[in-house]
N, C-alpha and C. Protein backbone atom coordinates (compact mmCIF):
# COMPACT_ATOMS: atom_id res chain seq x y z
N MET A 1 -32.37 14.50 50.42
CA MET A 1 -30.91 14.98 50.42
C MET A 1 -30.82 15.82 48.99
N PRO A 2 -30.33 17.03 49.06
CA PRO A 2 -30.24 17.98 47.82
C PRO A 2 -29.14 17.06 47.16
N ARG A 3 -28.87 17.13 45.75
CA ARG A 3 -27.83 16.57 44.83
C ARG A 3 -26.83 17.35 44.99
N LEU A 4 -25.77 16.74 44.59
CA LEU A 4 -24.41 17.48 44.51
C LEU A 4 -24.31 18.47 44.14
N TYR A 5 -24.75 18.75 42.62
CA TYR A 5 -24.57 19.91 41.89
C TYR A 5 -25.25 21.20 42.37
N GLU A 6 -26.63 20.99 43.07
CA GLU A 6 -27.50 21.89 43.74
C GLU A 6 -26.41 22.20 45.20
N LEU A 7 -25.66 21.56 46.06
CA LEU A 7 -24.94 21.78 47.24
C LEU A 7 -23.77 22.68 46.23
N LYS A 8 -23.34 22.01 45.32
CA LYS A 8 -21.92 22.98 44.79
C LYS A 8 -22.55 24.64 44.49
N SER A 9 -23.81 24.59 44.00
CA SER A 9 -24.33 26.04 43.40
C SER A 9 -24.30 26.60 44.67
N GLU A 10 -25.04 26.46 45.76
CA GLU A 10 -25.30 26.80 46.89
C GLU A 10 -24.17 27.26 47.34
N TYR A 11 -23.22 26.59 47.40
CA TYR A 11 -21.87 26.63 48.23
C TYR A 11 -21.28 27.91 47.28
N MET A 12 -21.17 28.00 46.16
CA MET A 12 -20.69 28.93 45.38
C MET A 12 -21.33 30.12 45.62
N THR A 13 -22.75 29.89 45.82
CA THR A 13 -23.15 31.42 45.86
C THR A 13 -23.18 32.02 47.45
N LEU A 14 -23.02 31.16 48.34
CA LEU A 14 -22.47 31.61 49.76
C LEU A 14 -21.37 32.07 49.72
N ALA A 15 -20.00 31.52 49.05
CA ALA A 15 -18.90 32.04 49.04
C ALA A 15 -18.56 33.51 48.39
N ASN A 16 -19.73 33.44 47.47
CA ASN A 16 -19.74 34.93 46.73
C ASN A 16 -20.20 35.87 47.92
N GLU A 17 -21.26 35.55 47.97
CA GLU A 17 -22.19 36.46 49.40
C GLU A 17 -20.88 37.10 50.34
N LEU A 18 -20.37 36.08 50.85
CA LEU A 18 -19.07 36.59 51.55
C LEU A 18 -18.36 37.57 51.06
N CYS A 19 -18.21 37.68 50.18
CA CYS A 19 -17.31 38.92 49.59
C CYS A 19 -17.89 40.17 49.35
N THR A 20 -19.20 40.34 49.76
CA THR A 20 -19.90 41.58 49.68
C THR A 20 -20.24 41.99 51.25
N ASP A 21 -20.28 43.27 51.14
CA ASP A 21 -20.31 43.87 52.72
C ASP A 21 -21.45 43.90 53.42
N ASP A 22 -22.65 43.49 52.32
CA ASP A 22 -24.10 43.56 53.24
C ASP A 22 -24.47 42.58 53.69
N VAL A 23 -23.86 41.55 53.74
CA VAL A 23 -24.34 40.40 54.46
C VAL A 23 -23.52 40.11 55.97
N ASP A 24 -24.57 39.32 56.69
CA ASP A 24 -23.96 39.15 58.11
C ASP A 24 -22.65 37.63 58.03
N ALA A 25 -21.45 38.25 58.29
CA ALA A 25 -20.57 37.21 57.71
C ALA A 25 -20.46 36.08 58.63
N GLN A 26 -20.91 36.07 59.75
CA GLN A 26 -20.95 34.63 60.80
C GLN A 26 -21.99 34.03 60.26
N LYS A 27 -23.16 34.18 59.99
CA LYS A 27 -24.28 33.69 59.70
C LYS A 27 -24.03 33.02 58.20
N THR A 28 -23.34 33.67 57.48
CA THR A 28 -22.84 33.17 55.95
C THR A 28 -21.82 32.05 55.93
N LEU A 29 -21.10 32.41 57.17
CA LEU A 29 -19.69 31.35 57.46
C LEU A 29 -20.39 30.19 57.95
N ALA A 30 -21.14 30.39 58.67
CA ALA A 30 -22.18 28.99 59.31
C ALA A 30 -22.78 28.24 58.63
N LEU A 31 -23.48 28.92 57.44
CA LEU A 31 -24.08 28.39 56.44
C LEU A 31 -23.06 27.37 55.32
N LEU A 32 -22.09 28.26 55.12
CA LEU A 32 -21.00 27.74 54.49
C LEU A 32 -20.14 26.46 54.83
N GLN A 33 -20.31 26.50 56.28
CA GLN A 33 -19.51 25.35 57.03
C GLN A 33 -20.51 24.18 56.90
N TYR A 34 -22.02 24.54 57.07
CA TYR A 34 -23.16 23.52 57.17
C TYR A 34 -22.97 22.57 55.49
N VAL A 35 -22.91 23.59 54.50
CA VAL A 35 -23.08 23.37 53.08
C VAL A 35 -21.86 22.43 52.75
N GLY A 36 -20.86 23.00 53.11
CA GLY A 36 -19.36 22.03 53.24
C GLY A 36 -19.79 20.85 53.44
N ASP A 37 -19.89 20.79 54.63
CA ASP A 37 -20.38 19.27 55.41
C ASP A 37 -21.23 18.34 54.92
N GLU A 38 -22.48 19.04 54.15
CA GLU A 38 -23.34 18.42 53.43
C GLU A 38 -22.59 17.93 52.04
N ILE A 39 -21.79 18.76 51.52
CA ILE A 39 -21.07 18.19 50.38
C ILE A 39 -19.76 16.98 50.77
N ASP A 40 -19.44 17.18 52.19
CA ASP A 40 -18.61 15.92 52.20
C ASP A 40 -19.28 14.50 52.41
N THR A 41 -20.48 14.78 53.00
CA THR A 41 -21.74 13.57 53.40
C THR A 41 -21.76 13.25 51.95
N LYS A 42 -22.50 13.83 50.84
CA LYS A 42 -22.77 13.70 49.47
C LYS A 42 -21.69 13.05 48.75
N ILE A 43 -20.44 13.48 49.10
CA ILE A 43 -19.15 12.72 48.65
C ILE A 43 -19.31 11.36 48.96
N VAL A 44 -19.24 11.35 50.06
CA VAL A 44 -18.81 10.09 50.72
C VAL A 44 -19.77 9.34 50.71
N SER A 45 -21.40 9.16 50.42
CA SER A 45 -22.27 8.41 49.96
C SER A 45 -22.17 8.11 48.25
N LEU A 46 -21.77 9.15 47.61
CA LEU A 46 -21.51 8.88 46.09
C LEU A 46 -20.30 7.62 45.80
N ALA A 47 -19.17 7.70 46.83
CA ALA A 47 -18.20 6.88 46.83
C ALA A 47 -18.46 5.65 47.11
N LYS A 48 -19.15 5.32 48.23
CA LYS A 48 -19.83 4.24 48.73
C LYS A 48 -20.69 3.55 47.54
N LEU A 49 -21.56 4.34 46.77
CA LEU A 49 -22.42 3.98 45.71
C LEU A 49 -21.44 3.31 44.66
N VAL A 50 -20.02 4.15 44.19
CA VAL A 50 -19.00 3.74 43.36
C VAL A 50 -18.44 2.31 43.31
N ARG A 51 -18.12 2.22 44.92
CA ARG A 51 -17.71 0.90 45.32
C ARG A 51 -18.58 -0.17 45.27
N ASN A 52 -19.67 0.05 45.59
CA ASN A 52 -21.03 -0.79 45.23
C ASN A 52 -21.19 -1.45 43.86
N LEU A 53 -21.28 -0.40 42.90
CA LEU A 53 -21.10 -0.51 41.51
C LEU A 53 -20.21 -1.06 40.99
N GLN A 54 -18.71 -0.96 41.57
CA GLN A 54 -17.40 -1.64 40.89
C GLN A 54 -17.51 -2.84 41.35
N SER A 55 -18.02 -3.22 42.27
CA SER A 55 -18.17 -4.68 42.86
C SER A 55 -18.99 -5.47 42.09
N ASP A 56 -20.18 -4.53 41.53
CA ASP A 56 -21.07 -5.27 40.71
C ASP A 56 -20.15 -5.59 39.39
N VAL A 57 -19.59 -4.71 39.09
CA VAL A 57 -18.71 -4.61 37.75
C VAL A 57 -17.76 -5.84 37.84
N ASP A 58 -17.05 -6.32 38.80
CA ASP A 58 -15.91 -7.27 38.94
C ASP A 58 -16.80 -8.33 39.14
N ALA A 59 -18.17 -8.90 39.64
CA ALA A 59 -18.62 -9.78 39.95
C ALA A 59 -18.87 -10.04 38.40
N ILE A 60 -19.47 -9.36 37.32
CA ILE A 60 -19.93 -9.29 36.03
C ILE A 60 -18.72 -9.51 35.09
N LYS A 61 -17.44 -9.04 35.61
CA LYS A 61 -16.10 -9.39 34.72
C LYS A 61 -15.80 -11.23 35.04
N SER A 62 -16.06 -11.36 36.24
CA SER A 62 -15.74 -12.79 36.70
C SER A 62 -16.50 -13.36 35.90
N GLU A 63 -17.74 -13.18 36.11
CA GLU A 63 -18.74 -14.37 35.15
C GLU A 63 -18.57 -14.16 33.56
N GLU A 64 -18.19 -12.93 33.25
CA GLU A 64 -17.68 -12.96 31.60
C GLU A 64 -16.77 -13.89 31.30
N ASN A 65 -15.85 -13.73 32.20
CA ASN A 65 -14.76 -14.91 32.13
C ASN A 65 -14.75 -16.33 32.59
N ARG A 66 -15.76 -16.70 33.38
CA ARG A 66 -16.23 -18.01 33.31
C ARG A 66 -16.78 -18.53 32.20
N LEU A 67 -17.48 -17.48 31.83
CA LEU A 67 -18.47 -17.70 30.51
C LEU A 67 -17.64 -18.07 29.27
N TYR A 68 -16.52 -17.27 29.06
CA TYR A 68 -15.67 -17.07 28.06
C TYR A 68 -15.22 -18.60 28.02
N GLU A 69 -14.48 -18.83 29.19
CA GLU A 69 -13.98 -20.37 29.45
C GLU A 69 -14.64 -21.44 29.01
N LEU A 70 -15.96 -21.01 29.62
CA LEU A 70 -16.72 -22.82 29.32
C LEU A 70 -17.03 -22.40 27.78
N ARG A 71 -17.59 -21.26 27.38
CA ARG A 71 -17.45 -21.35 25.68
C ARG A 71 -16.42 -21.77 25.11
N LYS A 72 -15.20 -21.58 25.29
CA LYS A 72 -14.05 -21.99 24.42
C LYS A 72 -14.15 -23.14 24.90
N SER A 73 -14.24 -23.89 26.19
CA SER A 73 -14.19 -25.30 26.26
C SER A 73 -15.18 -26.32 25.13
N LYS A 74 -16.05 -25.62 25.21
CA LYS A 74 -17.36 -26.12 24.42
C LYS A 74 -17.13 -26.06 23.21
N GLU A 75 -16.36 -25.08 22.56
CA GLU A 75 -15.83 -24.90 21.11
C GLU A 75 -14.85 -26.02 20.50
N ASN A 76 -13.92 -25.83 21.71
CA ASN A 76 -12.72 -26.96 21.33
C ASN A 76 -13.13 -28.15 21.40
N ALA A 77 -14.22 -28.67 22.21
CA ALA A 77 -14.89 -30.04 22.31
C ALA A 77 -15.34 -30.27 20.95
N VAL A 78 -16.22 -29.33 20.31
CA VAL A 78 -16.67 -29.54 19.19
C VAL A 78 -16.23 -29.73 18.08
N ALA A 79 -14.61 -28.83 18.01
CA ALA A 79 -13.80 -28.86 16.88
C ALA A 79 -13.02 -30.29 17.13
N ASN A 80 -12.56 -30.73 18.46
CA ASN A 80 -12.33 -32.05 18.34
C ASN A 80 -12.76 -33.02 17.80
N ILE A 81 -14.33 -33.14 18.45
CA ILE A 81 -15.36 -33.96 17.80
C ILE A 81 -15.36 -34.10 16.14
N LYS A 82 -15.62 -32.79 15.49
CA LYS A 82 -15.45 -32.48 14.43
C LYS A 82 -14.24 -33.14 13.61
N ALA A 83 -13.06 -33.20 14.07
CA ALA A 83 -11.91 -33.39 13.42
C ALA A 83 -11.91 -34.87 13.59
N HIS A 84 -12.35 -35.62 14.67
CA HIS A 84 -12.52 -36.88 14.91
C HIS A 84 -13.39 -37.59 13.90
N MET A 85 -14.52 -37.16 13.74
CA MET A 85 -15.25 -37.92 12.93
C MET A 85 -14.67 -37.46 11.04
N LYS A 86 -14.15 -36.31 10.98
CA LYS A 86 -13.62 -36.24 9.86
C LYS A 86 -12.35 -37.17 9.57
N SER A 87 -11.68 -37.38 10.22
CA SER A 87 -10.34 -38.23 10.09
C SER A 87 -10.56 -39.66 10.00
N THR A 88 -11.74 -40.27 10.80
CA THR A 88 -12.74 -41.38 10.59
C THR A 88 -13.33 -41.73 9.18
N MET A 89 -14.10 -40.71 8.69
CA MET A 89 -14.86 -40.85 7.40
C MET A 89 -13.62 -40.68 6.44
N ASP A 90 -12.69 -39.98 6.78
CA ASP A 90 -11.63 -39.81 5.51
C ASP A 90 -11.05 -41.48 5.33
N GLU A 91 -10.38 -41.58 6.56
CA GLU A 91 -9.86 -43.14 6.61
C GLU A 91 -10.49 -44.60 6.34
N LEU A 92 -11.78 -44.30 6.54
CA LEU A 92 -13.03 -45.28 5.67
C LEU A 92 -13.30 -44.94 4.36
N GLY A 93 -12.89 -43.59 4.16
CA GLY A 93 -13.45 -43.66 2.55
C GLY A 93 -15.17 -43.35 2.59
N LEU A 94 -15.69 -42.91 3.79
CA LEU A 94 -16.97 -42.36 3.90
C LEU A 94 -17.02 -40.89 3.23
N ASP A 95 -17.92 -40.69 2.40
CA ASP A 95 -18.47 -39.38 2.25
C ASP A 95 -19.46 -39.18 2.74
N ARG A 96 -20.73 -39.71 3.33
CA ARG A 96 -21.73 -39.29 3.58
C ARG A 96 -22.12 -40.30 4.68
N VAL A 97 -22.89 -39.68 5.90
CA VAL A 97 -23.40 -40.82 6.77
C VAL A 97 -24.70 -40.02 7.25
N SER A 98 -25.60 -40.90 7.26
CA SER A 98 -26.86 -40.41 7.42
C SER A 98 -27.94 -41.24 8.10
N ASP A 99 -28.69 -40.70 8.73
CA ASP A 99 -30.02 -41.50 9.62
C ASP A 99 -31.29 -40.24 8.93
N PRO A 100 -32.37 -41.02 9.73
CA PRO A 100 -33.67 -40.07 9.38
C PRO A 100 -33.55 -38.66 10.07
N ILE A 101 -32.54 -38.43 11.36
CA ILE A 101 -32.81 -37.31 11.65
C ILE A 101 -31.31 -36.51 11.23
N ILE A 102 -30.60 -36.75 10.92
CA ILE A 102 -29.04 -36.02 10.57
C ILE A 102 -28.45 -36.57 9.76
N ILE A 103 -27.80 -35.72 8.82
CA ILE A 103 -26.96 -36.15 7.72
C ILE A 103 -25.53 -35.52 7.78
N VAL A 104 -24.44 -36.35 8.11
CA VAL A 104 -23.07 -35.72 8.26
C VAL A 104 -22.44 -36.12 6.73
N SER A 105 -21.61 -35.06 6.14
CA SER A 105 -21.37 -35.44 5.09
C SER A 105 -19.97 -34.51 4.85
N LEU A 106 -19.04 -35.11 4.07
CA LEU A 106 -17.43 -34.30 3.81
C LEU A 106 -17.70 -33.46 2.51
N ARG A 107 -17.03 -32.30 2.54
CA ARG A 107 -17.49 -31.36 1.05
C ARG A 107 -15.86 -30.80 1.18
N ASN A 108 -15.69 -30.30 -0.36
CA ASN A 108 -14.45 -29.81 -0.72
C ASN A 108 -14.53 -28.18 -0.40
N ASN A 109 -13.53 -27.81 0.71
CA ASN A 109 -13.49 -26.40 0.86
C ASN A 109 -13.01 -25.48 -0.37
N PRO A 110 -13.13 -24.37 -0.21
CA PRO A 110 -12.41 -23.61 -1.51
C PRO A 110 -10.61 -23.49 -1.25
N ALA A 111 -10.06 -23.13 -2.26
CA ALA A 111 -8.76 -23.30 -1.90
C ALA A 111 -8.04 -22.07 -1.18
N SER A 112 -7.05 -22.12 -0.58
CA SER A 112 -6.56 -21.18 0.67
C SER A 112 -4.95 -21.06 0.34
N THR A 113 -4.55 -20.10 0.53
CA THR A 113 -3.05 -19.91 0.75
C THR A 113 -2.43 -20.54 1.97
N ASP A 114 -1.01 -21.09 2.01
CA ASP A 114 -0.18 -21.28 2.58
C ASP A 114 1.11 -20.38 2.68
N ILE A 115 1.39 -19.88 3.71
CA ILE A 115 2.66 -19.05 3.58
C ILE A 115 3.51 -19.37 4.70
N PRO A 116 4.11 -20.08 4.73
CA PRO A 116 5.44 -20.38 5.83
C PRO A 116 6.68 -19.06 6.40
N ASP A 117 6.92 -18.61 5.50
CA ASP A 117 7.76 -17.42 5.69
C ASP A 117 7.32 -16.05 4.70
N GLU A 118 6.77 -15.41 5.37
CA GLU A 118 6.40 -13.80 4.77
C GLU A 118 7.47 -13.13 4.37
N SER A 119 8.80 -13.19 4.77
CA SER A 119 9.57 -12.59 4.55
C SER A 119 9.93 -12.77 2.98
N VAL A 120 9.82 -13.89 2.46
CA VAL A 120 10.00 -13.98 0.66
C VAL A 120 9.02 -13.68 -0.12
N ILE A 121 7.89 -12.94 0.42
CA ILE A 121 6.86 -12.55 -0.68
C ILE A 121 7.07 -11.36 -1.24
N PRO A 122 6.95 -11.50 -2.55
CA PRO A 122 7.31 -9.78 -3.04
C PRO A 122 6.34 -8.76 -2.48
N TYR A 123 6.95 -7.75 -2.61
CA TYR A 123 6.27 -6.32 -2.01
C TYR A 123 5.13 -6.09 -2.97
N GLU A 124 4.76 -6.75 -4.10
CA GLU A 124 3.50 -6.30 -4.91
C GLU A 124 2.60 -7.08 -3.85
N TYR A 125 2.28 -7.92 -3.36
CA TYR A 125 1.57 -8.65 -3.01
C TYR A 125 1.22 -8.26 -1.77
N ARG A 126 1.96 -7.30 -1.05
CA ARG A 126 1.74 -6.81 0.26
C ARG A 126 0.78 -5.83 0.43
N ILE A 127 -0.17 -5.46 1.76
CA ILE A 127 -0.88 -4.11 1.74
C ILE A 127 0.01 -3.34 2.50
N PRO A 128 -0.03 -1.89 2.29
CA PRO A 128 0.76 -0.93 2.90
C PRO A 128 -0.19 -0.34 4.38
N GLN A 129 0.83 -0.69 5.24
CA GLN A 129 -0.01 -0.26 6.73
C GLN A 129 -0.10 1.10 7.11
N PRO A 130 -0.70 1.75 7.57
CA PRO A 130 -0.52 3.20 8.28
C PRO A 130 0.25 3.31 9.44
N ASP A 131 1.04 4.44 9.57
CA ASP A 131 2.11 4.53 10.51
C ASP A 131 1.10 4.63 11.79
N LYS A 132 1.98 4.60 12.75
CA LYS A 132 1.37 4.09 14.19
C LYS A 132 2.28 4.96 15.25
N ILE A 133 1.93 5.92 15.54
CA ILE A 133 2.43 6.57 17.00
C ILE A 133 2.87 5.90 18.24
N ASP A 134 4.40 6.26 18.58
CA ASP A 134 4.80 5.15 19.68
C ASP A 134 4.33 6.37 20.83
N ARG A 135 3.36 6.25 21.45
CA ARG A 135 3.01 7.25 22.79
C ARG A 135 3.76 6.59 24.03
N LYS A 136 4.03 5.77 24.20
CA LYS A 136 5.24 5.16 25.36
C LYS A 136 6.55 5.89 25.22
N LYS A 137 6.70 5.87 24.04
CA LYS A 137 8.29 6.33 23.84
C LYS A 137 8.14 7.70 24.00
N ILE A 138 7.14 8.50 23.35
CA ILE A 138 6.73 10.16 23.27
C ILE A 138 6.97 10.25 25.02
N LEU A 139 6.04 9.69 25.90
CA LEU A 139 5.96 9.93 26.99
C LEU A 139 7.17 9.76 27.73
N GLU A 140 7.96 8.78 27.15
CA GLU A 140 9.06 8.90 28.13
C GLU A 140 10.18 9.93 27.75
N VAL A 141 10.64 10.32 26.31
CA VAL A 141 11.11 11.44 25.88
C VAL A 141 10.86 12.72 26.63
N LEU A 142 9.56 13.00 26.87
CA LEU A 142 9.12 14.18 27.20
C LEU A 142 9.32 14.39 28.76
N LYS A 143 8.73 12.99 29.41
CA LYS A 143 9.36 12.96 31.04
C LYS A 143 11.00 13.34 31.06
N ASN A 144 11.72 13.45 30.08
CA ASN A 144 12.97 13.52 30.51
C ASN A 144 13.54 14.74 29.70
N GLY A 145 12.68 15.58 29.49
CA GLY A 145 13.07 16.89 29.28
C GLY A 145 13.18 17.21 28.05
N THR A 146 12.78 16.25 26.96
CA THR A 146 13.18 16.69 25.56
C THR A 146 11.98 17.18 24.87
N GLU A 147 12.00 18.03 23.84
CA GLU A 147 10.73 18.44 23.40
C GLU A 147 10.62 17.58 21.96
N VAL A 148 9.27 17.32 21.81
CA VAL A 148 8.88 16.32 20.73
C VAL A 148 7.74 17.35 19.90
N ALA A 149 8.00 17.82 18.76
CA ALA A 149 7.24 18.13 17.95
C ALA A 149 5.90 17.76 17.80
N GLY A 150 4.75 18.72 18.37
CA GLY A 150 3.05 18.13 18.26
C GLY A 150 2.73 17.13 19.44
N ALA A 151 3.83 17.25 20.46
CA ALA A 151 3.23 16.83 21.56
C ALA A 151 3.94 17.26 22.93
N SER A 152 2.96 16.85 23.94
CA SER A 152 3.23 17.74 25.07
C SER A 152 2.76 16.89 26.33
N LEU A 153 3.25 17.08 27.78
CA LEU A 153 2.64 16.39 28.59
C LEU A 153 1.32 16.63 29.14
N HIS A 154 0.16 16.06 29.21
CA HIS A 154 -0.65 16.25 30.20
C HIS A 154 -1.18 15.92 31.03
N HIS A 155 -1.29 16.44 32.47
CA HIS A 155 -1.60 16.10 33.56
C HIS A 155 -2.89 16.11 34.03
N SER A 156 -3.39 15.20 34.60
CA SER A 156 -4.97 15.07 35.03
C SER A 156 -4.95 14.37 36.25
N LYS A 157 -6.24 14.45 36.83
CA LYS A 157 -6.63 13.93 37.91
C LYS A 157 -7.57 13.00 37.74
N SER A 158 -7.85 11.94 39.08
CA SER A 158 -8.81 10.98 38.91
C SER A 158 -9.12 10.58 40.22
N ILE A 159 -10.35 10.16 40.36
CA ILE A 159 -10.76 10.14 41.78
C ILE A 159 -10.37 8.15 42.00
N THR A 160 -9.91 8.45 43.52
CA THR A 160 -9.45 7.20 44.30
C THR A 160 -10.18 7.01 45.38
N ILE A 161 -10.60 5.70 45.55
CA ILE A 161 -12.05 5.40 46.56
C ILE A 161 -11.26 4.33 47.18
N ARG A 162 -10.59 4.56 48.45
CA ARG A 162 -10.18 3.68 49.17
C ARG A 162 -10.82 2.96 50.55
């Protein structure tokens, strides 16, 4: 079966030929109808392919979510076990536990800052953040008929497969 772009090109050629006087109009119309039907068939086939690929994407997303949850569960188990080991070693005054295969030790981490209330931190210790455009608000205003400098409504089309 020809590719969609080939069918489209053939359809456009036939439609242009129909505008000239030196062709058999009935024959060209019949060919145009045939190519149009082929285009419809091709688009339906492609829609079925899209539906199959989308089901693959959905299955992959589901598996990603399952694996993400499994990973988070394992990470939480690791964190909980390490916290339990640390608190036990702290309470018993153990800095190091070892055997021939593994060594567990406590170490001092570098200092870090605690900031319970950011509003009291002086401006000199703040990093300026770039402006961010509120696209949702602009869309709402434009839909209500108000003009916004530098912005306009944009309408587009997308494929829906049901």
